[in-house]
Amino acid sequence: IFISELELEKVSPFIRETLNKLADSIPQSVIDSEDFSMCGRPWDMSYKLYSELAKESEYASWVAAYGFRPNHFTVNINKLKKFNDIHVLNDFIQSKGYVLNKSGGLVKGTPADYLEQSSTMASEIPVQFTDGTYNVPGCYYEFAKRYKMENGKFYTGFVAKSADKIFESTNKQK
């Protein structure tokens, strides 16, 4: 399981203060509940605020809009029966009408990195805000092909330059 982090010390005071205020508004009973990590958005949120956050950080706006929920799931290509090549899998996915993330190329990473990745773009879904219902990017699927290292074990890490591009899968499509 991979849990991402928005580093508040690297964002503007506006984003830092806004996200801290949202987190501070979470009732203790929600924090104490067993399903806290999957509780969704436990705070009130306006689309206006979502839009202001998105101007600086699409990721911060996604977190503010959805709260605590997974923003993607990863398919391990190494475990698939019909596909073992990421390029062939991408062609299949696109033939079914899904839009793939092109940031950094359709395939991020190389066998030399021991990791190749691609992802769908998140479809926009209706989200209820305090000032109405608006369509915003939801969740996406990532596809990862891992390669064996010199020691014979599969690489289990992440390639930062690729991960940054994969996270653009929840950006609003222009």
Foldseek 3Di string as FASTA:
>chain_A
DDDDDDPLVPFDPVLNVVVVVQVVPADVVLVPDPCNLAPWRRGAAAVVVLVVVVVGPPVSSQCNQTPRHDQEEEDELVPDDPDQDVVVVVVVVVVVPFAKQQVCHQWPDDVVNQKIKIKTAFFWDWGQHPVGTDTFGGHIYMYMYGHADPVRDTDDDDDVVRVVSRVCSRPDDD
